[in-house]
Amino acid sequence: MPAAGGRFEVYIEGEMVFSKKEVGRFPKYEEIRSAVQQRLKS
């Protein structure tokens, strides 16, 4: 979903799992894959 201010954030079911603004970089594929796998387990 596009966001204002140049932010890049990844949400899973409404919960933010990654924020470029907080970390200062784009996520690695493995980070997003891990977040999705953790969400599927719960």
Protein backbone atom coordinates (compact mmCIF):
# COMPACT_ATOMS: atom_id res chain seq x y z
CA MET A 1 0.00 0.00 0.00
CA PRO A 2 1.49 3.37 -0.94
CA ALA A 3 2.46 5.60 2.00
CA ALA A 4 3.29 9.28 2.22
CA GLY A 5 6.73 10.67 3.00
CA GLY A 6 8.78 8.06 1.14
CA ARG A 7 8.19 5.37 3.76
CA PHE A 8 8.40 1.68 2.90
CA GLU A 9 6.46 -0.45 5.35
CA VAL A 10 5.36 -4.07 5.21
CA TYR A 11 2.17 -5.13 6.98
CA ILE A 12 0.74 -8.59 7.54
CA GLU A 13 -2.90 -8.66 8.56
CA GLY A 14 -2.69 -5.04 9.71
CA GLU A 15 0.46 -5.49 11.81
CA MET A 16 3.65 -3.74 10.69
CA VAL A 17 6.48 -6.25 10.35
CA PHE A 18 9.05 -3.97 8.72
CA SER A 19 9.63 -0.23 8.46
CA LYS A 20 12.36 1.26 6.28
CA LYS A 21 12.08 4.47 8.30
CA GLU A 22 12.86 2.64 11.56
CA VAL A 23 15.65 0.45 10.18
CA GLY A 24 17.09 2.82 7.57
CA ARG A 25 17.14 0.31 4.71
CA PHE A 26 14.93 -1.86 2.54
CA PRO A 27 14.14 -5.34 3.85
CA LYS A 28 15.95 -8.44 2.68
CA TYR A 29 13.81 -11.13 1.09
CA GLU A 30 14.60 -13.50 3.97
CA GLU A 31 13.27 -11.01 6.54
CA ILE A 32 9.89 -10.75 4.84
CA ARG A 33 9.71 -14.49 4.22
CA SER A 34 10.45 -15.17 7.88
CA ALA A 35 7.75 -12.72 9.02
CA VAL A 36 5.19 -14.41 6.75
CA GLN A 37 6.19 -17.89 7.98
CA GLN A 38 5.89 -16.79 11.62
CA ARG A 39 2.43 -15.37 10.92
CA LEU A 40 1.30 -18.61 9.24
CA LYS A 41 2.38 -20.62 12.30
CA SER A 42 0.12 -18.63 14.65
